Amino acid sequence: MAVTLDKLINTTGSSLRFRPLSPALDATAKLVWKKYQVFSKAAGLYLRKLRECFGGI
């Protein structure tokens, strides 16, 4: 048994089944950092990708 926020795994061909919770649950997340933070190359690329995906952050 697993609890997830969405159907994130492929259950085809297995005995696992996805059952949504009722009533539906909502979740929010925040990503914060210091205003003038110096990022590593990897962290900078990660933040850039987040901005591309979610825009405006």
PDB file of N, CA and C in Angstrom:
ATOM      1  N   MET A   1       0.848  -1.162   0.000  1.00  0.00           N
ATOM      2  CA  MET A   1       0.000   0.000   0.000  1.00  0.00           C
ATOM      3  C   MET A   1       0.895   1.227   0.000  1.00  0.00           C
ATOM      4  N   ALA A   2       0.499   2.238  -0.757  1.00  0.00           N
ATOM      5  CA  ALA A   2       1.247   3.490  -0.801  1.00  0.00           C
ATOM      6  C   ALA A   2       0.268   4.650  -0.870  1.00  0.00           C
ATOM      7  N   VAL A   3       0.636   5.768  -0.275  1.00  0.00           N
ATOM      8  CA  VAL A   3      -0.161   6.981  -0.360  1.00  0.00           C
ATOM      9  C   VAL A   3       0.628   7.967  -1.202  1.00  0.00           C
ATOM     10  N   THR A   4       0.030   8.452  -2.286  1.00  0.00           N
ATOM     11  CA  THR A   4       0.688   9.419  -3.161  1.00  0.00           C
ATOM     12  C   THR A   4      -0.246  10.583  -3.417  1.00  0.00           C
ATOM     13  N   LEU A   5       0.298  11.672  -3.948  1.00  0.00           N
ATOM     14  CA  LEU A   5      -0.515  12.834  -4.266  1.00  0.00           C
ATOM     15  C   LEU A   5      -1.255  12.673  -5.591  1.00  0.00           C
ATOM     16  N   ASP A   6      -0.776  11.804  -6.437  1.00  0.00           N
ATOM     17  CA  ASP A   6      -1.376  11.601  -7.742  1.00  0.00           C
ATOM     18  C   ASP A   6      -0.997  10.206  -8.215  1.00  0.00           C
ATOM     19  N   LYS A   7      -1.609   9.752  -9.284  1.00  0.00           N
ATOM     20  CA  LYS A   7      -1.257   8.442  -9.832  1.00  0.00           C
ATOM     21  C   LYS A   7       0.089   8.574 -10.536  1.00  0.00           C
ATOM     22  N   LEU A   8       1.154   8.404  -9.780  1.00  0.00           N
ATOM     23  CA  LEU A   8       2.502   8.635 -10.282  1.00  0.00           C
ATOM     24  C   LEU A   8       3.193   7.367 -10.758  1.00  0.00           C
ATOM     25  N   ILE A   9       2.623   6.216 -10.475  1.00  0.00           N
ATOM     26  CA  ILE A   9       3.275   4.973 -10.847  1.00  0.00           C
ATOM     27  C   ILE A   9       2.392   4.196 -11.805  1.00  0.00           C
ATOM     28  N   ASN A  10       3.016   3.441 -12.672  1.00  0.00           N
ATOM     29  CA  ASN A  10       2.296   2.594 -13.610  1.00  0.00           C
ATOM     30  C   ASN A  10       1.995   1.277 -12.918  1.00  0.00           C
ATOM     31  N   THR A  11       0.718   0.961 -12.762  1.00  0.00           N
ATOM     32  CA  THR A  11       0.326  -0.261 -12.065  1.00  0.00           C
ATOM     33  C   THR A  11      -0.050  -1.379 -13.034  1.00  0.00           C
ATOM     34  N   THR A  12       0.124  -1.141 -14.336  1.00  0.00           N
ATOM     35  CA  THR A  12      -0.208  -2.149 -15.331  1.00  0.00           C
ATOM     36  C   THR A  12       0.626  -3.412 -15.116  1.00  0.00           C
ATOM     37  N   GLY A  13      -0.031  -4.547 -15.112  1.00  0.00           N
ATOM     38  CA  GLY A  13       0.676  -5.821 -14.969  1.00  0.00           C
ATOM     39  C   GLY A  13       1.057  -6.163 -13.541  1.00  0.00           C
ATOM     40  N   SER A  14       0.568  -5.410 -12.565  1.00  0.00           N
ATOM     41  CA  SER A  14       0.882  -5.707 -11.171  1.00  0.00           C
ATOM     42  C   SER A  14      -0.423  -5.838 -10.390  1.00  0.00           C
ATOM     43  N   SER A  15      -0.291  -6.241  -9.164  1.00  0.00           N
ATOM     44  CA  SER A  15      -1.483  -6.356  -8.316  1.00  0.00           C
ATOM     45  C   SER A  15      -1.819  -5.038  -7.620  1.00  0.00           C
ATOM     46  N   LEU A  16      -1.026  -3.994  -7.889  1.00  0.00           N
ATOM     47  CA  LEU A  16      -1.284  -2.689  -7.294  1.00  0.00           C
ATOM     48  C   LEU A  16      -2.446  -2.012  -8.005  1.00  0.00           C
ATOM     49  N   ARG A  17      -3.237  -1.273  -7.269  1.00  0.00           N
ATOM     50  CA  ARG A  17      -4.361  -0.534  -7.825  1.00  0.00           C
ATOM     51  C   ARG A  17      -4.343   0.884  -7.270  1.00  0.00           C
ATOM     52  N   PHE A  18      -4.699   1.834  -8.104  1.00  0.00           N
ATOM     53  CA  PHE A  18      -4.786   3.222  -7.673  1.00  0.00           C
ATOM     54  C   PHE A  18      -6.206   3.507  -7.222  1.00  0.00           C
ATOM     55  N   ARG A  19      -6.353   4.033  -6.016  1.00  0.00           N
ATOM     56  CA  ARG A  19      -7.655   4.400  -5.479  1.00  0.00           C
ATOM     57  C   ARG A  19      -7.554   5.839  -4.964  1.00  0.00           C
ATOM     58  N   PRO A  20      -8.228   6.777  -5.613  1.00  0.00           N
ATOM     59  CA  PRO A  20      -8.154   8.164  -5.141  1.00  0.00           C
ATOM     60  C   PRO A  20      -8.818   8.320  -3.778  1.00  0.00           C
ATOM     61  N   LEU A  21      -8.270   9.231  -2.991  1.00  0.00           N
ATOM     62  CA  LEU A  21      -8.859   9.522  -1.685  1.00  0.00           C
ATOM     63  C   LEU A  21     -10.119  10.354  -1.873  1.00  0.00           C
ATOM     64  N   SER A  22     -11.065  10.150  -1.003  1.00  0.00           N
ATOM     65  CA  SER A  22     -12.299  10.906  -1.096  1.00  0.00           C
ATOM     66  C   SER A  22     -12.657  11.403   0.298  1.00  0.00           C
ATOM     67  N   PRO A  23     -12.871  12.674   0.472  1.00  0.00           N
ATOM     68  CA  PRO A  23     -12.814  13.728  -0.535  1.00  0.00           C
ATOM     69  C   PRO A  23     -11.366  13.981  -0.969  1.00  0.00           C
ATOM     70  N   ALA A  24     -11.228  14.572  -2.145  1.00  0.00           N
ATOM     71  CA  ALA A  24      -9.901  14.848  -2.693  1.00  0.00           C
ATOM     72  C   ALA A  24      -9.104  15.752  -1.753  1.00  0.00           C
ATOM     73  N   LEU A  25      -7.812  15.500  -1.647  1.00  0.00           N
ATOM     74  CA  LEU A  25      -6.927  16.318  -0.824  1.00  0.00           C
ATOM     75  C   LEU A  25      -6.081  17.206  -1.731  1.00  0.00           C
ATOM     76  N   ASP A  26      -5.871  18.434  -1.336  1.00  0.00           N
ATOM     77  CA  ASP A  26      -5.024  19.357  -2.083  1.00  0.00           C
ATOM     78  C   ASP A  26      -3.734  19.587  -1.317  1.00  0.00           C
ATOM     79  N   ALA A  27      -2.657  19.783  -2.059  1.00  0.00           N
ATOM     80  CA  ALA A  27      -1.366  20.062  -1.439  1.00  0.00           C
ATOM     81  C   ALA A  27      -0.710  21.222  -2.181  1.00  0.00           C
ATOM     82  N   THR A  28      -0.028  22.070  -1.439  1.00  0.00           N
ATOM     83  CA  THR A  28       0.733  23.157  -2.043  1.00  0.00           C
ATOM     84  C   THR A  28       2.170  23.061  -1.561  1.00  0.00           C
ATOM     85  N   ALA A  29       3.040  23.646  -2.322  1.00  0.00           N
ATOM     86  CA  ALA A  29       4.455  23.650  -1.956  1.00  0.00           C
ATOM     87  C   ALA A  29       5.032  25.018  -2.280  1.00  0.00           C
ATOM     88  N   LYS A  30       6.032  25.401  -1.553  1.00  0.00           N
ATOM     89  CA  LYS A  30       6.719  26.670  -1.770  1.00  0.00           C
ATOM     90  C   LYS A  30       8.207  26.385  -1.928  1.00  0.00           C
ATOM     91  N   LEU A  31       8.835  27.113  -2.825  1.00  0.00           N
ATOM     92  CA  LEU A  31      10.274  27.028  -3.017  1.00  0.00           C
ATOM     93  C   LEU A  31      10.836  28.405  -2.699  1.00  0.00           C
ATOM     94  N   VAL A  32      11.701  28.483  -1.705  1.00  0.00           N
ATOM     95  CA  VAL A  32      12.245  29.771  -1.276  1.00  0.00           C
ATOM     96  C   VAL A  32      13.771  29.693  -1.224  1.00  0.00           C
ATOM     97  N   TRP A  33      14.391  30.866  -1.403  1.00  0.00           N
ATOM     98  CA  TRP A  33      15.833  30.961  -1.293  1.00  0.00           C
ATOM     99  C   TRP A  33      16.191  32.403  -0.959  1.00  0.00           C
ATOM    100  N   LYS A  34      17.412  32.615  -0.496  1.00  0.00           N
ATOM    101  CA  LYS A  34      17.875  33.963  -0.172  1.00  0.00           C
ATOM    102  C   LYS A  34      17.909  34.801  -1.450  1.00  0.00           C
ATOM    103  N   LYS A  35      17.627  36.085  -1.314  1.00  0.00           N
ATOM    104  CA  LYS A  35      17.514  36.965  -2.472  1.00  0.00           C
ATOM    105  C   LYS A  35      18.782  36.977  -3.334  1.00  0.00           C
ATOM    106  N   TYR A  36      19.935  37.026  -2.736  1.00  0.00           N
ATOM    107  CA  TYR A  36      21.183  37.091  -3.493  1.00  0.00           C
ATOM    108  C   TYR A  36      22.014  35.819  -3.318  1.00  0.00           C
ATOM    109  N   GLN A  37      21.334  34.697  -3.255  1.00  0.00           N
ATOM    110  CA  GLN A  37      21.990  33.403  -3.059  1.00  0.00           C
ATOM    111  C   GLN A  37      22.905  33.074  -4.237  1.00  0.00           C
ATOM    112  N   VAL A  38      24.102  32.585  -3.949  1.00  0.00           N
ATOM    113  CA  VAL A  38      25.002  32.080  -4.982  1.00  0.00           C
ATOM    114  C   VAL A  38      24.796  30.572  -5.056  1.00  0.00           C
ATOM    115  N   PHE A  39      24.362  30.105  -6.222  1.00  0.00           N
ATOM    116  CA  PHE A  39      24.041  28.690  -6.396  1.00  0.00           C
ATOM    117  C   PHE A  39      25.188  27.933  -7.041  1.00  0.00           C
ATOM    118  N   SER A  40      25.283  26.649  -6.745  1.00  0.00           N
ATOM    119  CA  SER A  40      26.191  25.780  -7.490  1.00  0.00           C
ATOM    120  C   SER A  40      25.650  25.682  -8.912  1.00  0.00           C
ATOM    121  N   LYS A  41      26.449  25.174  -9.836  1.00  0.00           N
ATOM    122  CA  LYS A  41      26.011  25.027 -11.226  1.00  0.00           C
ATOM    123  C   LYS A  41      24.770  24.136 -11.300  1.00  0.00           C
ATOM    124  N   ALA A  42      24.778  23.027 -10.567  1.00  0.00           N
ATOM    125  CA  ALA A  42      23.645  22.102 -10.580  1.00  0.00           C
ATOM    126  C   ALA A  42      22.381  22.758 -10.028  1.00  0.00           C
ATOM    127  N   ALA A  43      22.519  23.486  -8.911  1.00  0.00           N
ATOM    128  CA  ALA A  43      21.361  24.140  -8.311  1.00  0.00           C
ATOM    129  C   ALA A  43      20.818  25.235  -9.222  1.00  0.00           C
ATOM    130  N   GLY A  44      21.702  25.958  -9.887  1.00  0.00           N
ATOM    131  CA  GLY A  44      21.280  26.992 -10.827  1.00  0.00           C
ATOM    132  C   GLY A  44      20.517  26.406 -12.001  1.00  0.00           C
ATOM    133  N   LEU A  45      20.989  25.281 -12.524  1.00  0.00           N
ATOM    134  CA  LEU A  45      20.290  24.612 -13.618  1.00  0.00           C
ATOM    135  C   LEU A  45      18.932  24.102 -13.168  1.00  0.00           C
ATOM    136  N   TYR A  46      18.865  23.578 -11.953  1.00  0.00           N
ATOM    137  CA  TYR A  46      17.606  23.089 -11.397  1.00  0.00           C
ATOM    138  C   TYR A  46      16.603  24.229 -11.278  1.00  0.00           C
ATOM    139  N   LEU A  47      17.033  25.366 -10.749  1.00  0.00           N
ATOM    140  CA  LEU A  47      16.154  26.512 -10.601  1.00  0.00           C
ATOM    141  C   LEU A  47      15.699  27.023 -11.968  1.00  0.00           C
ATOM    142  N   ARG A  48      16.598  27.050 -12.926  1.00  0.00           N
ATOM    143  CA  ARG A  48      16.231  27.485 -14.275  1.00  0.00           C
ATOM    144  C   ARG A  48      15.156  26.573 -14.866  1.00  0.00           C
ATOM    145  N   LYS A  49      15.305  25.269 -14.675  1.00  0.00           N
ATOM    146  CA  LYS A  49      14.312  24.313 -15.183  1.00  0.00           C
ATOM    147  C   LYS A  49      12.967  24.501 -14.487  1.00  0.00           C
ATOM    148  N   LEU A  50      12.987  24.749 -13.182  1.00  0.00           N
ATOM    149  CA  LEU A  50      11.738  25.041 -12.467  1.00  0.00           C
ATOM    150  C   LEU A  50      11.055  26.273 -13.034  1.00  0.00           C
ATOM    151  N   ARG A  51      11.841  27.309 -13.307  1.00  0.00           N
ATOM    152  CA  ARG A  51      11.259  28.525 -13.867  1.00  0.00           C
ATOM    153  C   ARG A  51      10.650  28.260 -15.241  1.00  0.00           C
ATOM    154  N   GLU A  52      11.306  27.431 -16.052  1.00  0.00           N
ATOM    155  CA  GLU A  52      10.771  27.079 -17.359  1.00  0.00           C
ATOM    156  C   GLU A  52       9.453  26.327 -17.214  1.00  0.00           C
ATOM    157  N   CYS A  53       9.397  25.403 -16.283  1.00  0.00           N
ATOM    158  CA  CYS A  53       8.207  24.564 -16.108  1.00  0.00           C
ATOM    159  C   CYS A  53       7.053  25.319 -15.492  1.00  0.00           C
ATOM    160  N   PHE A  54       7.329  26.157 -14.495  1.00  0.00           N
ATOM    161  CA  PHE A  54       6.270  26.780 -13.727  1.00  0.00           C
ATOM    162  C   PHE A  54       6.122  28.268 -13.983  1.00  0.00           C
ATOM    163  N   GLY A  55       7.105  28.877 -14.633  1.00  0.00           N
ATOM    164  CA  GLY A  55       7.023  30.293 -14.982  1.00  0.00           C
ATOM    165  C   GLY A  55       6.843  31.225 -13.804  1.00  0.00           C
ATOM    166  N   GLY A  56       7.469  32.364 -13.872  1.00  0.00           N
ATOM    167  CA  GLY A  56       7.240  33.406 -12.893  1.00  0.00           C
ATOM    168  C   GLY A  56       7.843  33.203 -11.520  1.00  0.00           C
ATOM    169  N   ILE A  57       8.654  32.196 -11.321  1.00  0.00           N
ATOM    170  CA  ILE A  57       9.262  32.039 -10.002  1.00  0.00           C
ATOM    171  C   ILE A  57      10.682  32.528 -10.032  1.00  0.00           C
TER     172      ILE A  57
END
